[in-house]
Amino acid sequence: MHLDEEQIQRLLHRELPARAGSSAREHVAGCIECRRRLSEAEQEEAEVHGLLHAVDVPPPRIRAEAVALRAELDIVAARTRGSAWLRRAAGVLLA
């Protein structure tokens, strides 16, 4: 009888009670199939940890001055767009 997926994961994370863990390790020592599945689970877990580490980076540092400058530029751009619209509207009214 082979270990099921839950037993493999619990063995990998050392979550089995002492007696069950000992029995599972003995089984894995003599069972090529379960040893292969345990090895695959270890590799998958290492890959997942690697991927999580790759995406777990701190956010870029943003200076308050840069945010304020960007806000000022946005305001100036909005005013410019607004005044152009007003000029066009005034031209239509005059025409």
PDB file of N, CA and C in Angstrom:
ATOM      1  N   MET A   1       0.842  -1.175   0.000  1.00  0.00           N
ATOM      2  CA  MET A   1       0.000   0.000   0.000  1.00  0.00           C
ATOM      3  C   MET A   1       0.894   1.247   0.000  1.00  0.00           C
ATOM      4  N   HIS A   2       0.571   2.187  -0.876  1.00  0.00           N
ATOM      5  CA  HIS A   2       1.365   3.408  -1.012  1.00  0.00           C
ATOM      6  C   HIS A   2       0.794   4.531  -0.154  1.00  0.00           C
ATOM      7  N   LEU A   3       1.634   5.525   0.094  1.00  0.00           N
ATOM      8  CA  LEU A   3       1.191   6.712   0.813  1.00  0.00           C
ATOM      9  C   LEU A   3       0.303   7.534  -0.113  1.00  0.00           C
ATOM     10  N   ASP A   4      -0.752   8.134   0.450  1.00  0.00           N
ATOM     11  CA  ASP A   4      -1.586   9.014  -0.368  1.00  0.00           C
ATOM     12  C   ASP A   4      -0.966  10.413  -0.389  1.00  0.00           C
ATOM     13  N   GLU A   5      -1.573  11.293  -1.173  1.00  0.00           N
ATOM     14  CA  GLU A   5      -1.010  12.641  -1.351  1.00  0.00           C
ATOM     15  C   GLU A   5      -0.918  13.403  -0.033  1.00  0.00           C
ATOM     16  N   GLU A   6      -1.942  13.273   0.807  1.00  0.00           N
ATOM     17  CA  GLU A   6      -1.924  13.962   2.094  1.00  0.00           C
ATOM     18  C   GLU A   6      -0.770  13.464   2.963  1.00  0.00           C
ATOM     19  N   GLN A   7      -0.562  12.173   2.981  1.00  0.00           N
ATOM     20  CA  GLN A   7       0.535  11.618   3.777  1.00  0.00           C
ATOM     21  C   GLN A   7       1.887  12.095   3.256  1.00  0.00           C
ATOM     22  N   ILE A   8       2.013  12.168   1.932  1.00  0.00           N
ATOM     23  CA  ILE A   8       3.263  12.662   1.328  1.00  0.00           C
ATOM     24  C   ILE A   8       3.511  14.099   1.785  1.00  0.00           C
ATOM     25  N   GLN A   9       2.482  14.946   1.704  1.00  0.00           N
ATOM     26  CA  GLN A   9       2.638  16.344   2.095  1.00  0.00           C
ATOM     27  C   GLN A   9       2.931  16.482   3.588  1.00  0.00           C
ATOM     28  N   ARG A  10       2.229  15.704   4.402  1.00  0.00           N
ATOM     29  CA  ARG A  10       2.467  15.774   5.840  1.00  0.00           C
ATOM     30  C   ARG A  10       3.866  15.266   6.195  1.00  0.00           C
ATOM     31  N   LEU A  11       4.319  14.248   5.498  1.00  0.00           N
ATOM     32  CA  LEU A  11       5.680  13.748   5.724  1.00  0.00           C
ATOM     33  C   LEU A  11       6.693  14.818   5.324  1.00  0.00           C
ATOM     34  N   LEU A  12       6.453  15.444   4.202  1.00  0.00           N
ATOM     35  CA  LEU A  12       7.342  16.499   3.712  1.00  0.00           C
ATOM     36  C   LEU A  12       7.438  17.653   4.707  1.00  0.00           C
ATOM     37  N   HIS A  13       6.325  18.003   5.335  1.00  0.00           N
ATOM     38  CA  HIS A  13       6.300  19.129   6.263  1.00  0.00           C
ATOM     39  C   HIS A  13       6.464  18.716   7.715  1.00  0.00           C
ATOM     40  N   ARG A  14       6.772  17.460   7.926  1.00  0.00           N
ATOM     41  CA  ARG A  14       6.981  16.908   9.276  1.00  0.00           C
ATOM     42  C   ARG A  14       5.759  17.148  10.169  1.00  0.00           C
ATOM     43  N   GLU A  15       4.574  16.885   9.608  1.00  0.00           N
ATOM     44  CA  GLU A  15       3.331  17.103  10.346  1.00  0.00           C
ATOM     45  C   GLU A  15       2.709  15.803  10.849  1.00  0.00           C
ATOM     46  N   LEU A  16       3.322  14.679  10.533  1.00  0.00           N
ATOM     47  CA  LEU A  16       2.775  13.402  10.997  1.00  0.00           C
ATOM     48  C   LEU A  16       3.147  13.160  12.450  1.00  0.00           C
ATOM     49  N   PRO A  17       2.253  12.532  13.200  1.00  0.00           N
ATOM     50  CA  PRO A  17       2.617  12.152  14.566  1.00  0.00           C
ATOM     51  C   PRO A  17       3.853  11.242  14.533  1.00  0.00           C
ATOM     52  N   ALA A  18       4.555  11.152  15.641  1.00  0.00           N
ATOM     53  CA  ALA A  18       5.830  10.421  15.690  1.00  0.00           C
ATOM     54  C   ALA A  18       5.709   8.999  15.137  1.00  0.00           C
ATOM     55  N   ARG A  19       4.716   8.280  15.575  1.00  0.00           N
ATOM     56  CA  ARG A  19       4.567   6.871  15.153  1.00  0.00           C
ATOM     57  C   ARG A  19       4.246   6.782  13.660  1.00  0.00           C
ATOM     58  N   ALA A  20       3.307   7.598  13.193  1.00  0.00           N
ATOM     59  CA  ALA A  20       2.942   7.581  11.775  1.00  0.00           C
ATOM     60  C   ALA A  20       4.093   8.079  10.908  1.00  0.00           C
ATOM     61  N   GLY A  21       4.821   9.071  11.399  1.00  0.00           N
ATOM     62  CA  GLY A  21       5.968   9.582  10.658  1.00  0.00           C
ATOM     63  C   GLY A  21       7.053   8.533  10.507  1.00  0.00           C
ATOM     64  N   SER A  22       7.302   7.815  11.577  1.00  0.00           N
ATOM     65  CA  SER A  22       8.300   6.752  11.537  1.00  0.00           C
ATOM     66  C   SER A  22       7.888   5.666  10.557  1.00  0.00           C
ATOM     67  N   SER A  23       6.615   5.286  10.603  1.00  0.00           N
ATOM     68  CA  SER A  23       6.097   4.262   9.699  1.00  0.00           C
ATOM     69  C   SER A  23       6.173   4.730   8.247  1.00  0.00           C
ATOM     70  N   ALA A  24       5.829   5.995   7.998  1.00  0.00           N
ATOM     71  CA  ALA A  24       5.874   6.533   6.637  1.00  0.00           C
ATOM     72  C   ALA A  24       7.301   6.591   6.115  1.00  0.00           C
ATOM     73  N   ARG A  25       8.256   6.988   6.957  1.00  0.00           N
ATOM     74  CA  ARG A  25       9.666   7.035   6.529  1.00  0.00           C
ATOM     75  C   ARG A  25      10.192   5.637   6.223  1.00  0.00           C
ATOM     76  N   GLU A  26       9.784   4.669   7.006  1.00  0.00           N
ATOM     77  CA  GLU A  26      10.183   3.282   6.735  1.00  0.00           C
ATOM     78  C   GLU A  26       9.616   2.830   5.393  1.00  0.00           C
ATOM     79  N   HIS A  27       8.352   3.177   5.147  1.00  0.00           N
ATOM     80  CA  HIS A  27       7.734   2.787   3.885  1.00  0.00           C
ATOM     81  C   HIS A  27       8.453   3.439   2.709  1.00  0.00           C
ATOM     82  N   VAL A  28       8.737   4.723   2.821  1.00  0.00           N
ATOM     83  CA  VAL A  28       9.415   5.441   1.738  1.00  0.00           C
ATOM     84  C   VAL A  28      10.803   4.853   1.481  1.00  0.00           C
ATOM     85  N   ALA A  29      11.471   4.421   2.537  1.00  0.00           N
ATOM     86  CA  ALA A  29      12.806   3.836   2.380  1.00  0.00           C
ATOM     87  C   ALA A  29      12.764   2.583   1.519  1.00  0.00           C
ATOM     88  N   GLY A  30      11.652   1.844   1.572  1.00  0.00           N
ATOM     89  CA  GLY A  30      11.573   0.598   0.813  1.00  0.00           C
ATOM     90  C   GLY A  30      10.712   0.673  -0.431  1.00  0.00           C
ATOM     91  N   CYS A  31      10.048   1.794  -0.679  1.00  0.00           N
ATOM     92  CA  CYS A  31       9.110   1.907  -1.804  1.00  0.00           C
ATOM     93  C   CYS A  31       9.611   2.947  -2.807  1.00  0.00           C
ATOM     94  N   ILE A  32       9.992   2.467  -3.968  1.00  0.00           N
ATOM     95  CA  ILE A  32      10.526   3.361  -4.999  1.00  0.00           C
ATOM     96  C   ILE A  32       9.475   4.378  -5.440  1.00  0.00           C
ATOM     97  N   GLU A  33       8.235   3.931  -5.621  1.00  0.00           N
ATOM     98  CA  GLU A  33       7.156   4.810  -6.081  1.00  0.00           C
ATOM     99  C   GLU A  33       6.907   5.962  -5.101  1.00  0.00           C
ATOM    100  N   CYS A  34       6.800   5.648  -3.819  1.00  0.00           N
ATOM    101  CA  CYS A  34       6.556   6.693  -2.819  1.00  0.00           C
ATOM    102  C   CYS A  34       7.773   7.599  -2.651  1.00  0.00           C
ATOM    103  N   ARG A  35       8.968   7.034  -2.786  1.00  0.00           N
ATOM    104  CA  ARG A  35      10.182   7.845  -2.703  1.00  0.00           C
ATOM    105  C   ARG A  35      10.220   8.835  -3.874  1.00  0.00           C
ATOM    106  N   ARG A  36       9.804   8.378  -5.069  1.00  0.00           N
ATOM    107  CA  ARG A  36       9.751   9.249  -6.237  1.00  0.00           C
ATOM    108  C   ARG A  36       8.711  10.355  -6.034  1.00  0.00           C
ATOM    109  N   ARG A  37       7.542  10.002  -5.528  1.00  0.00           N
ATOM    110  CA  ARG A  37       6.489  10.992  -5.290  1.00  0.00           C
ATOM    111  C   ARG A  37       6.909  12.015  -4.233  1.00  0.00           C
ATOM    112  N   LEU A  38       7.606  11.565  -3.179  1.00  0.00           N
ATOM    113  CA  LEU A  38       8.106  12.480  -2.153  1.00  0.00           C
ATOM    114  C   LEU A  38       9.145  13.429  -2.750  1.00  0.00           C
ATOM    115  N   SER A  39       9.998  12.892  -3.598  1.00  0.00           N
ATOM    116  CA  SER A  39      11.014  13.718  -4.254  1.00  0.00           C
ATOM    117  C   SER A  39      10.363  14.764  -5.163  1.00  0.00           C
ATOM    118  N   GLU A  40       9.338  14.353  -5.906  1.00  0.00           N
ATOM    119  CA  GLU A  40       8.621  15.303  -6.766  1.00  0.00           C
ATOM    120  C   GLU A  40       7.953  16.392  -5.936  1.00  0.00           C
ATOM    121  N   ALA A  41       7.373  16.018  -4.805  1.00  0.00           N
ATOM    122  CA  ALA A  41       6.726  17.003  -3.929  1.00  0.00           C
ATOM    123  C   ALA A  41       7.755  17.992  -3.391  1.00  0.00           C
ATOM    124  N   GLU A  42       8.946  17.509  -3.058  1.00  0.00           N
ATOM    125  CA  GLU A  42      10.012  18.398  -2.583  1.00  0.00           C
ATOM    126  C   GLU A  42      10.423  19.375  -3.677  1.00  0.00           C
ATOM    127  N   GLN A  43      10.552  18.874  -4.915  1.00  0.00           N
ATOM    128  CA  GLN A  43      10.939  19.738  -6.041  1.00  0.00           C
ATOM    129  C   GLN A  43       9.861  20.780  -6.325  1.00  0.00           C
ATOM    130  N   GLU A  44       8.589  20.353  -6.308  1.00  0.00           N
ATOM    131  CA  GLU A  44       7.503  21.294  -6.544  1.00  0.00           C
ATOM    132  C   GLU A  44       7.479  22.387  -5.477  1.00  0.00           C
ATOM    133  N   GLU A  45       7.692  21.999  -4.243  1.00  0.00           N
ATOM    134  CA  GLU A  45       7.686  22.980  -3.157  1.00  0.00           C
ATOM    135  C   GLU A  45       8.847  23.963  -3.311  1.00  0.00           C
ATOM    136  N   ALA A  46      10.004  23.464  -3.715  1.00  0.00           N
ATOM    137  CA  ALA A  46      11.155  24.345  -3.938  1.00  0.00           C
ATOM    138  C   ALA A  46      10.863  25.333  -5.065  1.00  0.00           C
ATOM    139  N   GLU A  47      10.188  24.867  -6.135  1.00  0.00           N
ATOM    140  CA  GLU A  47       9.827  25.751  -7.242  1.00  0.00           C
ATOM    141  C   GLU A  47       8.849  26.827  -6.782  1.00  0.00           C
ATOM    142  N   VAL A  48       7.856  26.427  -6.005  1.00  0.00           N
ATOM    143  CA  VAL A  48       6.868  27.386  -5.508  1.00  0.00           C
ATOM    144  C   VAL A  48       7.538  28.438  -4.632  1.00  0.00           C
ATOM    145  N   HIS A  49       8.417  28.000  -3.746  1.00  0.00           N
ATOM    146  CA  HIS A  49       9.115  28.959  -2.883  1.00  0.00           C
ATOM    147  C   HIS A  49       9.973  29.908  -3.713  1.00  0.00           C
ATOM    148  N   GLY A  50      10.606  29.383  -4.758  1.00  0.00           N
ATOM    149  CA  GLY A  50      11.405  30.224  -5.648  1.00  0.00           C
ATOM    150  C   GLY A  50      10.555  31.264  -6.361  1.00  0.00           C
ATOM    151  N   LEU A  51       9.385  30.842  -6.847  1.00  0.00           N
ATOM    152  CA  LEU A  51       8.486  31.777  -7.526  1.00  0.00           C
ATOM    153  C   LEU A  51       7.954  32.828  -6.564  1.00  0.00           C
ATOM    154  N   LEU A  52       7.592  32.411  -5.375  1.00  0.00           N
ATOM    155  CA  LEU A  52       7.103  33.371  -4.381  1.00  0.00           C
ATOM    156  C   LEU A  52       8.185  34.371  -4.007  1.00  0.00           C
ATOM    157  N   HIS A  53       9.408  33.889  -3.904  1.00  0.00           N
ATOM    158  CA  HIS A  53      10.516  34.793  -3.588  1.00  0.00           C
ATOM    159  C   HIS A  53      10.724  35.794  -4.728  1.00  0.00           C
ATOM    160  N   ALA A  54      10.528  35.343  -5.963  1.00  0.00           N
ATOM    161  CA  ALA A  54      10.736  36.222  -7.116  1.00  0.00           C
ATOM    162  C   ALA A  54       9.700  37.337  -7.159  1.00  0.00           C
ATOM    163  N   VAL A  55       8.464  37.059  -6.738  1.00  0.00           N
ATOM    164  CA  VAL A  55       7.437  38.097  -6.791  1.00  0.00           C
ATOM    165  C   VAL A  55       7.336  38.882  -5.495  1.00  0.00           C
ATOM    166  N   ASP A  56       8.003  38.432  -4.477  1.00  0.00           N
ATOM    167  CA  ASP A  56       7.930  39.103  -3.177  1.00  0.00           C
ATOM    168  C   ASP A  56       9.070  40.109  -3.073  1.00  0.00           C
ATOM    169  N   VAL A  57       8.925  41.182  -3.827  1.00  0.00           N
ATOM    170  CA  VAL A  57       9.935  42.242  -3.806  1.00  0.00           C
ATOM    171  C   VAL A  57       9.294  43.503  -3.224  1.00  0.00           C
ATOM    172  N   PRO A  58      10.074  44.319  -2.564  1.00  0.00           N
ATOM    173  CA  PRO A  58       9.498  45.545  -2.003  1.00  0.00           C
ATOM    174  C   PRO A  58       9.066  46.499  -3.111  1.00  0.00           C
ATOM    175  N   PRO A  59       8.057  47.305  -2.865  1.00  0.00           N
ATOM    176  CA  PRO A  59       7.621  48.266  -3.887  1.00  0.00           C
ATOM    177  C   PRO A  59       8.709  49.314  -4.106  1.00  0.00           C
ATOM    178  N   PRO A  60       8.721  49.916  -5.277  1.00  0.00           N
ATOM    179  CA  PRO A  60       9.746  50.935  -5.529  1.00  0.00           C
ATOM    180  C   PRO A  60       9.547  52.134  -4.611  1.00  0.00           C
ATOM    181  N   ARG A  61      10.647  52.764  -4.251  1.00  0.00           N
ATOM    182  CA  ARG A  61      10.571  53.948  -3.393  1.00  0.00           C
ATOM    183  C   ARG A  61      10.136  55.129  -4.255  1.00  0.00           C
ATOM    184  N   ILE A  62       9.165  55.844  -3.759  1.00  0.00           N
ATOM    185  CA  ILE A  62       8.656  57.023  -4.473  1.00  0.00           C
ATOM    186  C   ILE A  62       8.832  58.225  -3.561  1.00  0.00           C
ATOM    187  N   ARG A  63       9.480  59.226  -4.079  1.00  0.00           N
ATOM    188  CA  ARG A  63       9.702  60.438  -3.287  1.00  0.00           C
ATOM    189  C   ARG A  63       8.459  61.308  -3.344  1.00  0.00           C
ATOM    190  N   ALA A  64       8.185  61.988  -2.249  1.00  0.00           N
ATOM    191  CA  ALA A  64       7.022  62.873  -2.171  1.00  0.00           C
ATOM    192  C   ALA A  64       7.144  64.004  -3.187  1.00  0.00           C
ATOM    193  N   GLU A  65       8.370  64.466  -3.445  1.00  0.00           N
ATOM    194  CA  GLU A  65       8.574  65.544  -4.403  1.00  0.00           C
ATOM    195  C   GLU A  65       8.135  65.110  -5.801  1.00  0.00           C
ATOM    196  N   ALA A  66       8.409  63.869  -6.146  1.00  0.00           N
ATOM    197  CA  ALA A  66       8.022  63.364  -7.465  1.00  0.00           C
ATOM    198  C   ALA A  66       6.503  63.299  -7.592  1.00  0.00           C
ATOM    199  N   VAL A  67       5.827  62.899  -6.533  1.00  0.00           N
ATOM    200  CA  VAL A  67       4.362  62.842  -6.550  1.00  0.00           C
ATOM    201  C   VAL A  67       3.788  64.250  -6.687  1.00  0.00           C
ATOM    202  N   ALA A  68       4.344  65.199  -5.931  1.00  0.00           N
ATOM    203  CA  ALA A  68       3.857  66.579  -5.988  1.00  0.00           C
ATOM    204  C   ALA A  68       4.078  67.179  -7.375  1.00  0.00           C
ATOM    205  N   LEU A  69       5.246  66.923  -7.968  1.00  0.00           N
ATOM    206  CA  LEU A  69       5.535  67.436  -9.301  1.00  0.00           C
ATOM    207  C   LEU A  69       4.570  66.856 -10.322  1.00  0.00           C
ATOM    208  N   ARG A  70       4.307  65.562 -10.217  1.00  0.00           N
ATOM    209  CA  ARG A  70       3.369  64.916 -11.145  1.00  0.00           C
ATOM    210  C   ARG A  70       1.973  65.521 -10.993  1.00  0.00           C
ATOM    211  N   ALA A  71       1.553  65.787  -9.762  1.00  0.00           N
ATOM    212  CA  ALA A  71       0.240  66.390  -9.531  1.00  0.00           C
ATOM    213  C   ALA A  71       0.179  67.778 -10.143  1.00  0.00           C
ATOM    214  N   GLU A  72       1.242  68.556  -9.990  1.00  0.00           N
ATOM    215  CA  GLU A  72       1.274  69.899 -10.580  1.00  0.00           C
ATOM    216  C   GLU A  72       1.183  69.823 -12.099  1.00  0.00           C
ATOM    217  N   LEU A  73       1.913  68.910 -12.701  1.00  0.00           N
ATOM    218  CA  LEU A  73       1.873  68.757 -14.155  1.00  0.00           C
ATOM    219  C   LEU A  73       0.480  68.356 -14.627  1.00  0.00           C
ATOM    220  N   ASP A  74      -0.178  67.480 -13.878  1.00  0.00           N
ATOM    221  CA  ASP A  74      -1.538  67.076 -14.224  1.00  0.00           C
ATOM    222  C   ASP A  74      -2.499  68.256 -14.140  1.00  0.00           C
ATOM    223  N   ILE A  75      -2.330  69.097 -13.126  1.00  0.00           N
ATOM    224  CA  ILE A  75      -3.195  70.267 -12.965  1.00  0.00           C
ATOM    225  C   ILE A  75      -2.985  71.246 -14.116  1.00  0.00           C
ATOM    226  N   VAL A  76      -1.723  71.493 -14.469  1.00  0.00           N
ATOM    227  CA  VAL A  76      -1.422  72.402 -15.583  1.00  0.00           C
ATOM    228  C   VAL A  76      -2.005  71.850 -16.876  1.00  0.00           C
ATOM    229  N   ALA A  77      -1.869  70.575 -17.099  1.00  0.00           N
ATOM    230  CA  ALA A  77      -2.407  69.962 -18.315  1.00  0.00           C
ATOM    231  C   ALA A  77      -3.924  70.077 -18.347  1.00  0.00           C
ATOM    232  N   ALA A  78      -4.575  69.874 -17.216  1.00  0.00           N
ATOM    233  CA  ALA A  78      -6.036  69.985 -17.151  1.00  0.00           C
ATOM    234  C   ALA A  78      -6.477  71.415 -17.426  1.00  0.00           C
ATOM    235  N   ARG A  79      -5.753  72.385 -16.887  1.00  0.00           N
ATOM    236  CA  ARG A  79      -6.105  73.795 -17.132  1.00  0.00           C
ATOM    237  C   ARG A  79      -5.938  74.137 -18.601  1.00  0.00           C
ATOM    238  N   THR A  80      -4.881  73.622 -19.203  1.00  0.00           N
ATOM    239  CA  THR A  80      -4.621  73.899 -20.620  1.00  0.00           C
ATOM    240  C   THR A  80      -5.729  73.314 -21.477  1.00  0.00           C
ATOM    241  N   ARG A  81      -6.121  72.084 -21.166  1.00  0.00           N
ATOM    242  CA  ARG A  81      -7.214  71.461 -21.919  1.00  0.00           C
ATOM    243  C   ARG A  81      -8.512  72.244 -21.698  1.00  0.00           C
ATOM    244  N   GLY A  82      -8.739  72.652 -20.454  1.00  0.00           N
ATOM    245  CA  GLY A  82      -9.965  73.393 -20.132  1.00  0.00           C
ATOM    246  C   GLY A  82     -10.025  74.726 -20.833  1.00  0.00           C
ATOM    247  N   SER A  83      -8.920  75.472 -20.874  1.00  0.00           N
ATOM    248  CA  SER A  83      -8.928  76.790 -21.507  1.00  0.00           C
ATOM    249  C   SER A  83      -9.074  76.651 -23.015  1.00  0.00           C
ATOM    250  N   ALA A  84      -8.536  75.637 -23.612  1.00  0.00           N
ATOM    251  CA  ALA A  84      -8.699  75.418 -25.054  1.00  0.00           C
ATOM    252  C   ALA A  84     -10.164  75.145 -25.352  1.00  0.00           C
ATOM    253  N   TRP A  85     -10.813  74.390 -24.505  1.00  0.00           N
ATOM    254  CA  TRP A  85     -12.235  74.098 -24.701  1.00  0.00           C
ATOM    255  C   TRP A  85     -13.058  75.377 -24.588  1.00  0.00           C
ATOM    256  N   LEU A  86     -12.714  76.200 -23.593  1.00  0.00           N
ATOM    257  CA  LEU A  86     -13.436  77.465 -23.421  1.00  0.00           C
ATOM    258  C   LEU A  86     -13.246  78.383 -24.628  1.00  0.00           C
ATOM    259  N   ARG A  87     -12.046  78.433 -25.166  1.00  0.00           N
ATOM    260  CA  ARG A  87     -11.796  79.267 -26.348  1.00  0.00           C
ATOM    261  C   ARG A  87     -12.637  78.789 -27.531  1.00  0.00           C
ATOM    262  N   ARG A  88     -12.721  77.477 -27.698  1.00  0.00           N
ATOM    263  CA  ARG A  88     -13.518  76.937 -28.800  1.00  0.00           C
ATOM    264  C   ARG A  88     -15.001  77.274 -28.587  1.00  0.00           C
ATOM    265  N   ALA A  89     -15.460  77.074 -27.355  1.00  0.00           N
ATOM    266  CA  ALA A  89     -16.874  77.381 -27.056  1.00  0.00           C
ATOM    267  C   ALA A  89     -17.177  78.855 -27.305  1.00  0.00           C
ATOM    268  N   ALA A  90     -16.254  79.729 -26.908  1.00  0.00           N
ATOM    269  CA  ALA A  90     -16.452  81.172 -27.125  1.00  0.00           C
ATOM    270  C   ALA A  90     -16.471  81.474 -28.609  1.00  0.00           C
ATOM    271  N   GLY A  91     -15.622  80.832 -29.387  1.00  0.00           N
ATOM    272  CA  GLY A  91     -15.603  81.024 -30.840  1.00  0.00           C
ATOM    273  C   GLY A  91     -16.901  80.577 -31.481  1.00  0.00           C
ATOM    274  N   VAL A  92     -17.456  79.480 -31.003  1.00  0.00           N
ATOM    275  CA  VAL A  92     -18.733  79.002 -31.548  1.00  0.00           C
ATOM    276  C   VAL A  92     -19.840  79.997 -31.220  1.00  0.00           C
ATOM    277  N   LEU A  93     -19.855  80.504 -30.000  1.00  0.00           N
ATOM    278  CA  LEU A  93     -20.877  81.470 -29.602  1.00  0.00           C
ATOM    279  C   LEU A  93     -20.793  82.756 -30.414  1.00  0.00           C
ATOM    280  N   LEU A  94     -19.583  83.214 -30.660  1.00  0.00           N
ATOM    281  CA  LEU A  94     -19.403  84.448 -31.438  1.00  0.00           C
ATOM    282  C   LEU A  94     -19.809  84.267 -32.895  1.00  0.00           C
ATOM    283  N   ALA A  95     -19.562  83.059 -33.389  1.00  0.00           N
ATOM    284  CA  ALA A  95     -19.898  82.803 -34.793  1.00  0.00           C
ATOM    285  C   ALA A  95     -21.387  82.725 -34.929  1.00  0.00           C
TER     286      ALA A  95
END
